[in-house]
Amino acid sequence: MLGRWLEWLRPAPTQGTLETIWVAETAGAPMSNRHQTHVDNAGLEGDRYALGRGHWHPVESCPVTLICRAELDRAARSARRLREPAAITPGEHRRNLVITGLRRSPHEGVLVIGQVRFAILRPRPPCGWLNQVVGYNLARALGRDSGICLRTLESGILQVGDPVRWEPTSTATASKQ
């Protein structure tokens, strides 16, 4: 417990790696893993949100979602405490991008993944629809560690293994000048 507390005293890491890319053609369809995909303002090529076949409220639409591996690991531990399945099945989290290297999804600034730049819009809390799709209370296990919503600033190709760089708001603003 003390080790986890002390971890938060260290500066937050700003670099990582794109671990996996997930898309689903329609709302509730199983997520499929891609090695690479094109992304533009509509979202990821072939994904339910880019195709207009997602399950969302129009005010809360989110073209690309992201979650950190560390957040999924914490959710798996939480699920065990809640007596839910011991492991989250790959893609079950319903987030498009999974990255390693960051302790938590950043909530402001810009994320650069390979050649693609994203604005960080807001946290992406899970909804009841997630529980209907997976069949257990994964939304509760994820809790606050449920990822973020991204908007594409510069389109391009995403590929598993691409470097990820987080630019906090002050850094992102300075790099544009």
C-alpha atoms as a PDB file:
ATOM      1  CA  MET A   1       0.000   0.000   0.000  1.00  0.00           C
ATOM      2  CA  LEU A   2       2.800   2.423   0.911  1.00  0.00           C
ATOM      3  CA  GLY A   3       4.532   1.629  -2.392  1.00  0.00           C
ATOM      4  CA  ARG A   4       1.429   2.625  -4.367  1.00  0.00           C
ATOM      5  CA  TRP A   5       1.109   5.825  -2.360  1.00  0.00           C
ATOM      6  CA  LEU A   6       4.771   6.711  -2.947  1.00  0.00           C
ATOM      7  CA  GLU A   7       4.327   6.044  -6.687  1.00  0.00           C
ATOM      8  CA  TRP A   8       2.026   9.089  -6.883  1.00  0.00           C
ATOM      9  CA  LEU A   9       4.762  11.326  -5.497  1.00  0.00           C
ATOM     10  CA  ARG A  10       6.961  10.651  -8.535  1.00  0.00           C
ATOM     11  CA  PRO A  11       6.393  12.813 -11.617  1.00  0.00           C
ATOM     12  CA  ALA A  12       3.856  11.316 -13.996  1.00  0.00           C
ATOM     13  CA  PRO A  13       5.433   9.563 -16.982  1.00  0.00           C
ATOM     14  CA  THR A  14       4.820  11.305 -20.307  1.00  0.00           C
ATOM     15  CA  GLN A  15       5.789   8.523 -22.728  1.00  0.00           C
ATOM     16  CA  GLY A  16       4.501   5.084 -23.528  1.00  0.00           C
ATOM     17  CA  THR A  17       3.664   2.647 -26.309  1.00  0.00           C
ATOM     18  CA  LEU A  18       0.485   1.743 -28.207  1.00  0.00           C
ATOM     19  CA  GLU A  19      -0.211  -1.811 -27.032  1.00  0.00           C
ATOM     20  CA  THR A  20      -3.430  -2.693 -28.874  1.00  0.00           C
ATOM     21  CA  ILE A  21      -6.015  -1.248 -31.257  1.00  0.00           C
ATOM     22  CA  TRP A  22      -9.645  -2.376 -30.934  1.00  0.00           C
ATOM     23  CA  VAL A  23     -12.633  -1.784 -33.201  1.00  0.00           C
ATOM     24  CA  ALA A  24     -16.186  -3.122 -33.378  1.00  0.00           C
ATOM     25  CA  GLU A  25     -18.372  -2.715 -36.462  1.00  0.00           C
ATOM     26  CA  THR A  26     -21.612  -2.179 -34.513  1.00  0.00           C
ATOM     27  CA  ALA A  27     -22.775  -1.419 -30.984  1.00  0.00           C
ATOM     28  CA  GLY A  28     -22.375  -4.515 -28.818  1.00  0.00           C
ATOM     29  CA  ALA A  29     -20.410  -6.461 -31.456  1.00  0.00           C
ATOM     30  CA  PRO A  30     -17.271  -8.172 -30.198  1.00  0.00           C
ATOM     31  CA  MET A  31     -14.167  -6.021 -30.378  1.00  0.00           C
ATOM     32  CA  SER A  32     -11.575  -7.114 -32.910  1.00  0.00           C
ATOM     33  CA  ASN A  33      -7.873  -6.494 -32.559  1.00  0.00           C
ATOM     34  CA  ARG A  34      -6.061  -4.645 -35.371  1.00  0.00           C
ATOM     35  CA  HIS A  35      -2.335  -4.307 -35.948  1.00  0.00           C
ATOM     36  CA  GLN A  36      -2.848  -0.970 -37.668  1.00  0.00           C
ATOM     37  CA  THR A  37      -5.651   1.321 -38.782  1.00  0.00           C
ATOM     38  CA  HIS A  38      -6.277   4.726 -40.280  1.00  0.00           C
ATOM     39  CA  VAL A  39      -7.749   7.417 -38.027  1.00  0.00           C
ATOM     40  CA  ASP A  40      -9.375  10.719 -38.983  1.00  0.00           C
ATOM     41  CA  ASN A  41     -11.951  13.105 -37.495  1.00  0.00           C
ATOM     42  CA  ALA A  42     -14.677  10.439 -37.675  1.00  0.00           C
ATOM     43  CA  GLY A  43     -12.604   7.955 -35.648  1.00  0.00           C
ATOM     44  CA  LEU A  44     -10.890   4.664 -36.410  1.00  0.00           C
ATOM     45  CA  GLU A  45     -11.498   3.121 -39.815  1.00  0.00           C
ATOM     46  CA  GLY A  46     -14.076   0.332 -39.502  1.00  0.00           C
ATOM     47  CA  ASP A  47     -15.099   1.217 -35.943  1.00  0.00           C
ATOM     48  CA  ARG A  48     -18.724   1.620 -34.850  1.00  0.00           C
ATOM     49  CA  TYR A  49     -18.321   5.305 -34.024  1.00  0.00           C
ATOM     50  CA  ALA A  50     -16.705   6.207 -37.345  1.00  0.00           C
ATOM     51  CA  LEU A  51     -19.453   4.220 -39.093  1.00  0.00           C
ATOM     52  CA  GLY A  52     -22.237   5.823 -37.032  1.00  0.00           C
ATOM     53  CA  ARG A  53     -23.245   2.458 -35.538  1.00  0.00           C
ATOM     54  CA  GLY A  54     -22.141   3.026 -31.956  1.00  0.00           C
ATOM     55  CA  HIS A  55     -24.182   3.182 -28.765  1.00  0.00           C
ATOM     56  CA  TRP A  56     -23.898   6.659 -27.292  1.00  0.00           C
ATOM     57  CA  HIS A  57     -25.747   9.817 -26.429  1.00  0.00           C
ATOM     58  CA  PRO A  58     -25.224  12.476 -29.159  1.00  0.00           C
ATOM     59  CA  VAL A  59     -23.998  15.040 -26.618  1.00  0.00           C
ATOM     60  CA  GLU A  60     -21.440  12.579 -25.274  1.00  0.00           C
ATOM     61  CA  SER A  61     -20.213  11.140 -28.568  1.00  0.00           C
ATOM     62  CA  CYS A  62     -16.583  10.141 -28.604  1.00  0.00           C
ATOM     63  CA  PRO A  63     -14.797   9.257 -31.867  1.00  0.00           C
ATOM     64  CA  VAL A  64     -11.801   7.516 -30.222  1.00  0.00           C
ATOM     65  CA  THR A  65     -11.417   6.126 -26.711  1.00  0.00           C
ATOM     66  CA  LEU A  66      -8.217   5.223 -24.879  1.00  0.00           C
ATOM     67  CA  ILE A  67      -7.298   3.445 -21.670  1.00  0.00           C
ATOM     68  CA  CYS A  68      -3.951   2.697 -20.017  1.00  0.00           C
ATOM     69  CA  ARG A  69      -2.809  -0.870 -19.315  1.00  0.00           C
ATOM     70  CA  ALA A  70      -2.248   0.146 -15.663  1.00  0.00           C
ATOM     71  CA  GLU A  71      -5.925   1.149 -15.414  1.00  0.00           C
ATOM     72  CA  LEU A  72      -7.013  -2.230 -16.801  1.00  0.00           C
ATOM     73  CA  ASP A  73      -4.762  -3.989 -14.301  1.00  0.00           C
ATOM     74  CA  ARG A  74      -6.330  -2.004 -11.438  1.00  0.00           C
ATOM     75  CA  ALA A  75      -9.816  -2.821 -12.774  1.00  0.00           C
ATOM     76  CA  ALA A  76      -8.949  -6.543 -12.827  1.00  0.00           C
ATOM     77  CA  ARG A  77      -7.895  -6.348  -9.162  1.00  0.00           C
ATOM     78  CA  SER A  78     -11.113  -4.465  -8.359  1.00  0.00           C
ATOM     79  CA  ALA A  79     -13.198  -7.053 -10.215  1.00  0.00           C
ATOM     80  CA  ARG A  80     -11.670  -9.823  -8.093  1.00  0.00           C
ATOM     81  CA  ARG A  81     -12.563  -7.897  -4.919  1.00  0.00           C
ATOM     82  CA  LEU A  82     -16.115  -7.519  -6.260  1.00  0.00           C
ATOM     83  CA  ARG A  83     -16.148 -11.286  -6.987  1.00  0.00           C
ATOM     84  CA  GLU A  84     -16.472 -10.677 -10.703  1.00  0.00           C
ATOM     85  CA  PRO A  85     -14.363 -12.531 -13.306  1.00  0.00           C
ATOM     86  CA  ALA A  86     -10.696 -12.582 -12.300  1.00  0.00           C
ATOM     87  CA  ALA A  87      -9.431 -11.322 -15.640  1.00  0.00           C
ATOM     88  CA  ILE A  88     -10.817  -8.827 -18.101  1.00  0.00           C
ATOM     89  CA  THR A  89     -11.012 -10.532 -21.473  1.00  0.00           C
ATOM     90  CA  PRO A  90      -9.034  -8.666 -24.174  1.00  0.00           C
ATOM     91  CA  GLY A  91     -11.258  -6.010 -25.768  1.00  0.00           C
ATOM     92  CA  GLU A  92     -13.972  -6.411 -23.139  1.00  0.00           C
ATOM     93  CA  HIS A  93     -13.240  -2.897 -21.838  1.00  0.00           C
ATOM     94  CA  ARG A  94     -14.716  -1.495 -25.109  1.00  0.00           C
ATOM     95  CA  ARG A  95     -11.937   1.140 -25.480  1.00  0.00           C
ATOM     96  CA  ASN A  96     -10.293   1.593 -28.889  1.00  0.00           C
ATOM     97  CA  LEU A  97      -6.691   2.106 -27.826  1.00  0.00           C
ATOM     98  CA  VAL A  98      -4.706   0.554 -24.972  1.00  0.00           C
ATOM     99  CA  ILE A  99      -1.350   2.099 -24.096  1.00  0.00           C
ATOM    100  CA  THR A 100       1.429   1.107 -21.726  1.00  0.00           C
ATOM    101  CA  GLY A 101       3.865   3.336 -19.890  1.00  0.00           C
ATOM    102  CA  LEU A 102       1.452   5.845 -18.306  1.00  0.00           C
ATOM    103  CA  ARG A 103       0.016   5.230 -14.830  1.00  0.00           C
ATOM    104  CA  ARG A 104      -3.320   6.865 -15.661  1.00  0.00           C
ATOM    105  CA  SER A 105      -5.039   8.301 -18.685  1.00  0.00           C
ATOM    106  CA  PRO A 106      -4.161  12.001 -18.837  1.00  0.00           C
ATOM    107  CA  HIS A 107      -7.146  14.360 -18.618  1.00  0.00           C
ATOM    108  CA  GLU A 108      -5.773  17.398 -20.458  1.00  0.00           C
ATOM    109  CA  GLY A 109      -3.357  18.288 -23.212  1.00  0.00           C
ATOM    110  CA  VAL A 110      -2.427  16.423 -26.382  1.00  0.00           C
ATOM    111  CA  LEU A 111      -1.496  12.804 -27.026  1.00  0.00           C
ATOM    112  CA  VAL A 112       0.777  12.020 -29.949  1.00  0.00           C
ATOM    113  CA  ILE A 113       0.640   8.381 -31.026  1.00  0.00           C
ATOM    114  CA  GLY A 114       3.021   7.645 -33.885  1.00  0.00           C
ATOM    115  CA  GLN A 115       2.155  10.236 -36.532  1.00  0.00           C
ATOM    116  CA  VAL A 116      -1.339  11.031 -35.168  1.00  0.00           C
ATOM    117  CA  ARG A 117      -2.142  13.888 -32.780  1.00  0.00           C
ATOM    118  CA  PHE A 118      -5.178  13.783 -30.493  1.00  0.00           C
ATOM    119  CA  ALA A 119      -6.777  16.371 -28.244  1.00  0.00           C
ATOM    120  CA  ILE A 120      -7.725  14.939 -24.872  1.00  0.00           C
ATOM    121  CA  LEU A 121     -11.387  15.837 -24.419  1.00  0.00           C
ATOM    122  CA  ARG A 122     -12.528  14.355 -21.115  1.00  0.00           C
ATOM    123  CA  PRO A 123     -12.649  11.233 -18.964  1.00  0.00           C
ATOM    124  CA  ARG A 124     -14.795   8.482 -20.467  1.00  0.00           C
ATOM    125  CA  PRO A 125     -16.780   6.869 -17.658  1.00  0.00           C
ATOM    126  CA  PRO A 126     -18.300   3.473 -18.366  1.00  0.00           C
ATOM    127  CA  CYS A 127     -22.041   3.206 -18.724  1.00  0.00           C
ATOM    128  CA  GLY A 128     -24.607   0.517 -18.058  1.00  0.00           C
ATOM    129  CA  TRP A 129     -24.405  -0.566 -21.697  1.00  0.00           C
ATOM    130  CA  LEU A 130     -20.921  -1.957 -20.992  1.00  0.00           C
ATOM    131  CA  ASN A 131     -22.341  -4.258 -18.320  1.00  0.00           C
ATOM    132  CA  GLN A 132     -25.053  -5.482 -20.702  1.00  0.00           C
ATOM    133  CA  VAL A 133     -22.441  -6.314 -23.350  1.00  0.00           C
ATOM    134  CA  VAL A 134     -19.991  -8.143 -21.051  1.00  0.00           C
ATOM    135  CA  GLY A 135     -22.537  -9.704 -18.674  1.00  0.00           C
ATOM    136  CA  TYR A 136     -21.066  -8.520 -15.367  1.00  0.00           C
ATOM    137  CA  ASN A 137     -20.392  -5.253 -13.529  1.00  0.00           C
ATOM    138  CA  LEU A 138     -17.212  -4.234 -15.340  1.00  0.00           C
ATOM    139  CA  ALA A 139     -18.282  -0.574 -15.167  1.00  0.00           C
ATOM    140  CA  ARG A 140     -18.006  -0.701 -11.375  1.00  0.00           C
ATOM    141  CA  ALA A 141     -14.626  -2.441 -11.547  1.00  0.00           C
ATOM    142  CA  LEU A 142     -13.291   0.210 -13.920  1.00  0.00           C
ATOM    143  CA  GLY A 143     -14.698   3.059 -11.839  1.00  0.00           C
ATOM    144  CA  ARG A 144     -12.665   6.212 -12.384  1.00  0.00           C
ATOM    145  CA  ASP A 145     -10.019   4.237 -14.276  1.00  0.00           C
ATOM    146  CA  SER A 146     -12.192   3.998 -17.350  1.00  0.00           C
ATOM    147  CA  GLY A 147     -10.144   5.856 -19.941  1.00  0.00           C
ATOM    148  CA  ILE A 148     -10.549   9.048 -21.912  1.00  0.00           C
ATOM    149  CA  CYS A 149     -12.198  10.452 -24.999  1.00  0.00           C
ATOM    150  CA  LEU A 150      -9.971  11.739 -27.818  1.00  0.00           C
ATOM    151  CA  ARG A 151     -10.554  13.960 -30.848  1.00  0.00           C
ATOM    152  CA  THR A 152      -8.219  13.644 -33.830  1.00  0.00           C
ATOM    153  CA  LEU A 153      -6.169  16.766 -34.539  1.00  0.00           C
ATOM    154  CA  GLU A 154      -3.967  15.262 -37.268  1.00  0.00           C
ATOM    155  CA  SER A 155      -5.072  12.138 -39.182  1.00  0.00           C
ATOM    156  CA  GLY A 156      -2.817   9.236 -40.035  1.00  0.00           C
ATOM    157  CA  ILE A 157      -2.042   5.582 -39.499  1.00  0.00           C
ATOM    158  CA  LEU A 158      -1.868   4.065 -36.033  1.00  0.00           C
ATOM    159  CA  GLN A 159       0.198   0.931 -35.596  1.00  0.00           C
ATOM    160  CA  VAL A 160       0.711  -1.318 -32.573  1.00  0.00           C
ATOM    161  CA  GLY A 161       4.097  -0.454 -31.082  1.00  0.00           C
ATOM    162  CA  ASP A 162       3.892   3.242 -32.015  1.00  0.00           C
ATOM    163  CA  PRO A 163       5.433   5.540 -29.419  1.00  0.00           C
ATOM    164  CA  VAL A 164       3.004   7.570 -27.310  1.00  0.00           C
ATOM    165  CA  ARG A 165       3.887  11.014 -26.014  1.00  0.00           C
ATOM    166  CA  TRP A 166       1.694  13.061 -23.691  1.00  0.00           C
ATOM    167  CA  GLU A 167       2.019  16.821 -23.927  1.00  0.00           C
ATOM    168  CA  PRO A 168       0.377  18.523 -20.936  1.00  0.00           C
ATOM    169  CA  THR A 169      -1.628  21.641 -21.785  1.00  0.00           C
ATOM    170  CA  SER A 170       1.243  24.054 -21.063  1.00  0.00           C
ATOM    171  CA  THR A 171       3.684  21.962 -23.161  1.00  0.00           C
ATOM    172  CA  ALA A 172       1.159  21.429 -25.985  1.00  0.00           C
ATOM    173  CA  THR A 173       0.483  25.170 -26.182  1.00  0.00           C
ATOM    174  CA  ALA A 174       4.207  26.028 -26.196  1.00  0.00           C
ATOM    175  CA  SER A 175       5.009  23.467 -28.934  1.00  0.00           C
ATOM    176  CA  LYS A 176       2.417  25.049 -31.266  1.00  0.00           C
ATOM    177  CA  GLN A 177       4.022  28.520 -31.012  1.00  0.00           C
END
